[in-house]
C-alpha atoms as a PDB file:
ATOM      1  CA  MET A   1     135.806 132.691 164.260  1.00  0.00           C
ATOM      2  CA  ILE A   2     132.767 131.199 162.547  1.00  0.00           C
ATOM      3  CA  LEU A   3     130.594 128.917 164.650  1.00  0.00           C
ATOM      4  CA  TYR A   4     129.075 126.125 162.584  1.00  0.00           C
ATOM      5  CA  PHE A   5     126.147 123.866 163.455  1.00  0.00           C
ATOM      6  CA  GLU A   6     128.530 121.372 165.054  1.00  0.00           C
ATOM      7  CA  ASP A   7     129.883 124.064 167.410  1.00  0.00           C
ATOM      8  CA  PHE A   8     126.523 124.833 169.049  1.00  0.00           C
ATOM      9  CA  GLU A   9     126.052 122.852 172.269  1.00  0.00           C
ATOM     10  CA  VAL A  10     122.759 122.500 174.130  1.00  0.00           C
ATOM     11  CA  GLY A  11     122.888 124.663 177.249  1.00  0.00           C
ATOM     12  CA  HIS A  12     125.544 127.037 175.908  1.00  0.00           C
ATOM     13  CA  ARG A  13     124.737 130.710 176.526  1.00  0.00           C
ATOM     14  CA  PHE A  14     125.773 133.794 174.613  1.00  0.00           C
ATOM     15  CA  ARG A  15     125.544 137.191 176.338  1.00  0.00           C
ATOM     16  CA  SER A  16     125.372 140.387 174.328  1.00  0.00           C
ATOM     17  CA  PRO A  17     126.702 143.816 175.151  1.00  0.00           C
ATOM     18  CA  GLY A  18     124.118 146.397 176.210  1.00  0.00           C
ATOM     19  CA  ILE A  19     122.357 149.131 174.303  1.00  0.00           C
ATOM     20  CA  THR A  20     120.444 152.077 175.751  1.00  0.00           C
ATOM     21  CA  VAL A  21     117.097 152.840 174.142  1.00  0.00           C
ATOM     22  CA  THR A  22     116.454 156.530 173.519  1.00  0.00           C
ATOM     23  CA  GLU A  23     113.167 158.384 173.333  1.00  0.00           C
ATOM     24  CA  SER A  24     113.872 159.424 169.744  1.00  0.00           C
ATOM     25  CA  GLN A  25     114.530 155.789 168.723  1.00  0.00           C
ATOM     26  CA  VAL A  26     111.252 154.677 170.325  1.00  0.00           C
ATOM     27  CA  ILE A  27     109.240 157.381 168.552  1.00  0.00           C
ATOM     28  CA  ASP A  28     111.038 157.043 165.209  1.00  0.00           C
ATOM     29  CA  PHE A  29     110.541 153.270 165.056  1.00  0.00           C
ATOM     30  CA  ALA A  30     106.894 153.538 166.071  1.00  0.00           C
ATOM     31  CA  MET A  31     106.139 156.326 163.584  1.00  0.00           C
ATOM     32  CA  HIS A  32     107.238 153.963 160.817  1.00  0.00           C
ATOM     33  CA  TYR A  33     105.924 150.622 162.042  1.00  0.00           C
ATOM     34  CA  ASP A  34     103.603 150.832 165.073  1.00  0.00           C
ATOM     35  CA  PRO A  35     102.112 154.332 165.474  1.00  0.00           C
ATOM     36  CA  GLN A  36     100.091 153.783 168.630  1.00  0.00           C
ATOM     37  CA  VAL A  37      99.788 156.680 171.067  1.00  0.00           C
ATOM     38  CA  PHE A  38     101.845 155.039 173.840  1.00  0.00           C
ATOM     39  CA  HIS A  39     104.730 154.643 171.356  1.00  0.00           C
ATOM     40  CA  ILE A  40     104.673 158.043 169.646  1.00  0.00           C
ATOM     41  CA  ASP A  41     103.297 160.741 171.950  1.00  0.00           C
ATOM     42  CA  THR A  42     105.155 161.403 175.205  1.00  0.00           C
ATOM     43  CA  GLU A  43     102.367 163.472 176.764  1.00  0.00           C
ATOM     44  CA  ALA A  44      99.404 161.360 175.648  1.00  0.00           C
ATOM     45  CA  ALA A  45     101.247 158.187 176.736  1.00  0.00           C
ATOM     46  CA  LYS A  46     101.115 159.423 180.350  1.00  0.00           C
ATOM     47  CA  ALA A  47      97.321 158.933 180.333  1.00  0.00           C
ATOM     48  CA  THR A  48      97.558 155.302 179.149  1.00  0.00           C
ATOM     49  CA  THR A  49      97.810 152.156 181.216  1.00  0.00           C
ATOM     50  CA  TYR A  50     101.610 152.344 180.775  1.00  0.00           C
ATOM     51  CA  GLY A  51     101.895 155.782 182.384  1.00  0.00           C
ATOM     52  CA  GLY A  52     104.409 156.934 179.805  1.00  0.00           C
ATOM     53  CA  LEU A  53     106.144 156.250 176.532  1.00  0.00           C
ATOM     54  CA  ILE A  54     107.116 152.630 175.805  1.00  0.00           C
ATOM     55  CA  ALA A  55     108.880 150.940 172.920  1.00  0.00           C
ATOM     56  CA  SER A  56     106.852 148.897 170.477  1.00  0.00           C
ATOM     57  CA  GLY A  57     107.100 145.175 171.079  1.00  0.00           C
ATOM     58  CA  ILE A  58     108.163 144.843 167.455  1.00  0.00           C
ATOM     59  CA  HIS A  59     110.993 147.280 168.181  1.00  0.00           C
ATOM     60  CA  THR A  60     111.988 145.116 171.164  1.00  0.00           C
ATOM     61  CA  ILE A  61     112.137 142.053 168.898  1.00  0.00           C
ATOM     62  CA  ALA A  62     114.384 143.932 166.463  1.00  0.00           C
ATOM     63  CA  LEU A  63     116.661 145.164 169.270  1.00  0.00           C
ATOM     64  CA  THR A  64     116.840 141.673 170.747  1.00  0.00           C
ATOM     65  CA  PHE A  65     117.964 140.108 167.504  1.00  0.00           C
ATOM     66  CA  ARG A  66     120.410 142.946 166.808  1.00  0.00           C
ATOM     67  CA  LEU A  67     121.947 142.507 170.238  1.00  0.00           C
ATOM     68  CA  PHE A  68     122.222 138.751 169.743  1.00  0.00           C
ATOM     69  CA  LEU A  69     123.955 139.293 166.413  1.00  0.00           C
ATOM     70  CA  MET A  70     126.514 141.408 168.280  1.00  0.00           C
ATOM     71  CA  THR A  71     127.647 138.226 170.110  1.00  0.00           C
ATOM     72  CA  GLY A  72     129.043 136.965 166.797  1.00  0.00           C
ATOM     73  CA  ALA A  73     127.339 133.583 167.281  1.00  0.00           C
ATOM     74  CA  LEU A  74     125.666 133.664 163.858  1.00  0.00           C
ATOM     75  CA  GLU A  75     128.337 135.528 161.922  1.00  0.00           C
ATOM     76  CA  GLY A  76     129.159 133.662 158.727  1.00  0.00           C
ATOM     77  CA  SER A  77     126.961 130.653 159.518  1.00  0.00           C
ATOM     78  CA  SER A  78     123.368 131.893 159.583  1.00  0.00           C
ATOM     79  CA  LEU A  79     121.151 130.886 156.686  1.00  0.00           C
ATOM     80  CA  GLY A  80     118.105 132.671 158.096  1.00  0.00           C
ATOM     81  CA  SER A  81     115.170 131.466 160.133  1.00  0.00           C
ATOM     82  CA  PRO A  82     111.794 129.882 159.430  1.00  0.00           C
ATOM     83  CA  GLY A  83     110.359 131.731 162.424  1.00  0.00           C
ATOM     84  CA  VAL A  84     110.107 132.186 166.164  1.00  0.00           C
ATOM     85  CA  ASP A  85     108.031 130.445 168.805  1.00  0.00           C
ATOM     86  CA  ASP A  86     106.761 131.363 172.245  1.00  0.00           C
ATOM     87  CA  LEU A  87     107.138 135.137 171.924  1.00  0.00           C
ATOM     88  CA  ARG A  88     106.310 136.925 175.184  1.00  0.00           C
ATOM     89  CA  TRP A  89     106.549 140.583 176.155  1.00  0.00           C
ATOM     90  CA  LEU A  90     106.950 140.571 179.921  1.00  0.00           C
ATOM     91  CA  ARG A  91     107.656 144.224 180.781  1.00  0.00           C
ATOM     92  CA  PRO A  92     107.530 147.455 178.815  1.00  0.00           C
ATOM     93  CA  VAL A  93     110.791 148.845 177.465  1.00  0.00           C
ATOM     94  CA  ARG A  94     111.046 152.549 178.209  1.00  0.00           C
ATOM     95  CA  PRO A  95     113.343 155.290 176.965  1.00  0.00           C
ATOM     96  CA  GLY A  96     116.523 155.153 179.027  1.00  0.00           C
ATOM     97  CA  ASP A  97     116.404 151.392 179.532  1.00  0.00           C
ATOM     98  CA  THR A  98     119.609 149.551 178.736  1.00  0.00           C
ATOM     99  CA  LEU A  99     118.953 146.138 177.261  1.00  0.00           C
ATOM    100  CA  HIS A 100     121.146 143.106 176.889  1.00  0.00           C
ATOM    101  CA  VAL A 101     120.309 139.642 175.597  1.00  0.00           C
ATOM    102  CA  VAL A 102     121.186 136.127 176.644  1.00  0.00           C
ATOM    103  CA  GLY A 103     120.737 133.454 173.997  1.00  0.00           C
ATOM    104  CA  GLU A 104     120.632 129.863 175.255  1.00  0.00           C
ATOM    105  CA  VAL A 105     120.886 126.885 172.903  1.00  0.00           C
ATOM    106  CA  LEU A 106     117.874 124.664 173.619  1.00  0.00           C
ATOM    107  CA  GLU A 107     118.290 122.003 170.970  1.00  0.00           C
ATOM    108  CA  LYS A 108     119.777 121.273 167.576  1.00  0.00           C
ATOM    109  CA  LYS A 109     118.844 118.976 164.755  1.00  0.00           C
ATOM    110  CA  ALA A 110     120.735 118.225 161.570  1.00  0.00           C
ATOM    111  CA  SER A 111     118.651 118.519 158.418  1.00  0.00           C
ATOM    112  CA  SER A 112     117.751 115.158 156.910  1.00  0.00           C
ATOM    113  CA  SER A 113     117.162 116.639 153.455  1.00  0.00           C
ATOM    114  CA  ARG A 114     119.999 119.191 153.208  1.00  0.00           C
ATOM    115  CA  GLN A 115     123.338 117.931 154.443  1.00  0.00           C
ATOM    116  CA  ASP A 116     124.883 121.418 154.574  1.00  0.00           C
ATOM    117  CA  ARG A 117     122.722 122.693 157.459  1.00  0.00           C
ATOM    118  CA  GLY A 118     120.774 122.146 160.634  1.00  0.00           C
ATOM    119  CA  ILE A 119     118.325 123.943 162.897  1.00  0.00           C
ATOM    120  CA  VAL A 120     119.464 125.369 166.223  1.00  0.00           C
ATOM    121  CA  ARG A 121     116.711 126.469 168.607  1.00  0.00           C
ATOM    122  CA  ILE A 122     117.799 129.392 170.756  1.00  0.00           C
ATOM    123  CA  ARG A 123     115.851 130.993 173.587  1.00  0.00           C
ATOM    124  CA  TYR A 124     116.458 134.734 173.457  1.00  0.00           C
ATOM    125  CA  THR A 125     115.848 136.557 176.730  1.00  0.00           C
ATOM    126  CA  SER A 126     116.090 140.346 176.805  1.00  0.00           C
ATOM    127  CA  TYR A 127     116.885 142.002 180.126  1.00  0.00           C
ATOM    128  CA  ASN A 128     116.778 145.622 181.235  1.00  0.00           C
ATOM    129  CA  GLN A 129     119.382 147.360 183.403  1.00  0.00           C
ATOM    130  CA  ARG A 130     117.766 145.896 186.541  1.00  0.00           C
ATOM    131  CA  ASP A 131     118.184 142.358 185.124  1.00  0.00           C
ATOM    132  CA  GLU A 132     114.411 142.069 184.768  1.00  0.00           C
ATOM    133  CA  GLU A 133     113.235 139.974 181.838  1.00  0.00           C
ATOM    134  CA  VAL A 134     111.437 142.178 179.334  1.00  0.00           C
ATOM    135  CA  MET A 135     110.950 139.730 176.455  1.00  0.00           C
ATOM    136  CA  THR A 136     111.503 136.080 175.571  1.00  0.00           C
ATOM    137  CA  MET A 137     111.229 134.163 172.331  1.00  0.00           C
ATOM    138  CA  VAL A 138     112.597 130.972 170.828  1.00  0.00           C
ATOM    139  CA  GLY A 139     114.294 131.384 167.462  1.00  0.00           C
ATOM    140  CA  ASN A 140     114.744 128.581 164.975  1.00  0.00           C
ATOM    141  CA  GLN A 141     118.035 129.381 163.293  1.00  0.00           C
ATOM    142  CA  ILE A 142     119.193 127.611 160.166  1.00  0.00           C
ATOM    143  CA  ILE A 143     122.949 127.166 160.613  1.00  0.00           C
ATOM    144  CA  ARG A 144     125.587 125.982 158.126  1.00  0.00           C
ATOM    145  CA  ARG A 145     127.362 122.735 158.870  1.00  0.00           C
ATOM    146  CA  ARG A 146     131.146 122.669 158.808  1.00  0.00           C
ATOM    147  CA  PRO A 147     132.344 122.430 155.197  1.00  0.00           C
END
């Protein structure tokens, strides 16, 4: 079922399934996009402030959005996003962590210039397997209005 702009209610929450982050995923992502020692070298990472390998924050953003997409909330209605606000990395994501995401609708506003859409602001919170917050951000999603 497609959720249109009109279907999003302030305060509604969407919870994603979980995904376990592997060491190879952490290293592979970082080798392509963020090759810092604490993301790519298991042994050298032990001597850093993190005490071991951690996922890139950019990788955590990508995982967060992928997990949110798995809720189906944006399927068939998303027209993209002009950006995110208030991005915070709160805890490192480590190999073996299982993440899930809760997306909460904060506000919505119909477009005054384009009658076929509106903006829905969603706070994405990523949690690890201990239900500790690891990342938060507010996405500004452009959502189709009901035809």
